[in-house]
Amino acid sequence: MSRICQLTGKKAMKGNKVSFSNAKTPRQFKVNLKTKKFFVPETAEWITLRVSTSAIKNINKKGIYACLKESVEKGILN
């Protein structure tokens, strides 16, 4: 399973690790993903999503139903 957030679509970024001597070596900035169960009161069911921690903050702020609706509109979630 790829490391992509199911709500925001965030995925790993590429960059450089820069040492003290300013030598640059490639590295990846991976997404901080958590598997979490959410209760959707509008549909009265539990769903399990693999989401980033920033998406969890958005869910706490907006609500799970609004975040699901937004990700469907963006085309990230079916």
Protein backbone atom coordinates (compact mmCIF):
# COMPACT_ATOMS: atom_id res chain seq x y z
CA MET A 1 0.00 0.00 0.00
CA SER A 2 1.42 3.38 -0.97
CA ARG A 3 1.94 6.08 1.62
CA ILE A 4 -0.77 8.51 0.47
CA CYS A 5 -3.35 10.24 2.66
CA GLN A 6 -6.87 9.15 1.68
CA LEU A 7 -8.42 12.55 2.46
CA THR A 8 -5.87 15.14 1.36
CA GLY A 9 -3.88 13.17 -1.23
CA LYS A 10 -0.59 14.08 0.42
CA LYS A 11 2.36 11.88 -0.55
CA ALA A 12 6.14 11.75 -0.12
CA MET A 13 8.23 14.65 -1.40
CA LYS A 14 11.81 14.54 -2.62
CA GLY A 15 14.55 16.83 -1.35
CA ASN A 16 18.17 16.93 -0.32
CA LYS A 17 19.88 16.14 2.93
CA VAL A 18 22.48 18.88 3.36
CA SER A 19 25.51 18.06 5.50
CA PHE A 20 27.80 20.50 7.32
CA SER A 21 30.17 20.40 4.32
CA ASN A 22 27.16 21.38 2.14
CA ALA A 23 27.21 18.03 0.31
CA LYS A 24 23.73 17.19 -0.91
CA THR A 25 22.36 13.66 -0.96
CA PRO A 26 18.81 12.76 -2.04
CA ARG A 27 16.22 11.91 0.58
CA GLN A 28 12.44 11.59 0.97
CA PHE A 29 10.14 13.55 3.22
CA LYS A 30 7.47 10.96 4.07
CA VAL A 31 3.93 11.72 5.20
CA ASN A 32 3.01 11.10 8.83
CA LEU A 33 0.13 8.65 8.29
CA LYS A 34 -2.12 7.07 10.89
CA THR A 35 -4.84 4.44 10.46
CA LYS A 36 -7.89 5.74 12.28
CA LYS A 37 -11.57 4.84 12.65
CA PHE A 38 -14.10 7.65 12.38
CA PHE A 39 -17.82 7.66 13.14
CA VAL A 40 -19.90 9.51 10.55
CA PRO A 41 -23.09 10.62 12.34
CA GLU A 42 -24.87 11.60 9.09
CA THR A 43 -24.70 8.02 7.79
CA ALA A 44 -24.49 6.36 11.25
CA GLU A 45 -21.54 4.16 10.28
CA TRP A 46 -17.86 3.71 11.14
CA ILE A 47 -15.18 4.12 8.47
CA THR A 48 -11.47 3.34 8.64
CA LEU A 49 -9.15 5.72 6.84
CA ARG A 50 -5.39 6.06 6.46
CA VAL A 51 -4.94 9.80 6.99
CA SER A 52 -2.14 12.25 7.69
CA THR A 53 -1.95 13.96 11.07
CA SER A 54 -2.72 17.30 9.41
CA ALA A 55 -5.92 15.74 8.00
CA ILE A 56 -6.86 14.61 11.53
CA LYS A 57 -6.51 18.25 12.64
CA ASN A 58 -8.80 19.32 9.78
CA ILE A 59 -11.35 16.65 10.78
CA ASN A 60 -11.32 17.93 14.36
CA LYS A 61 -11.88 21.47 13.07
CA LYS A 62 -14.45 20.94 10.27
CA GLY A 63 -15.95 17.53 11.03
CA ILE A 64 -15.55 14.20 9.24
CA TYR A 65 -18.55 14.60 6.93
CA ALA A 66 -17.38 17.98 5.60
CA CYS A 67 -13.86 16.62 4.99
CA LEU A 68 -15.22 13.54 3.17
CA LYS A 69 -17.46 15.72 1.02
CA GLU A 70 -14.54 18.05 0.19
CA SER A 71 -12.24 15.18 -0.81
CA VAL A 72 -14.95 13.71 -3.08
CA GLU A 73 -15.37 17.10 -4.78
CA LYS A 74 -11.60 17.32 -5.35
CA GLY A 75 -11.59 13.78 -6.78
CA ILE A 76 -9.27 12.29 -4.16
CA LEU A 77 -11.85 9.95 -2.62
CA ASN A 78 -14.48 8.00 -4.58
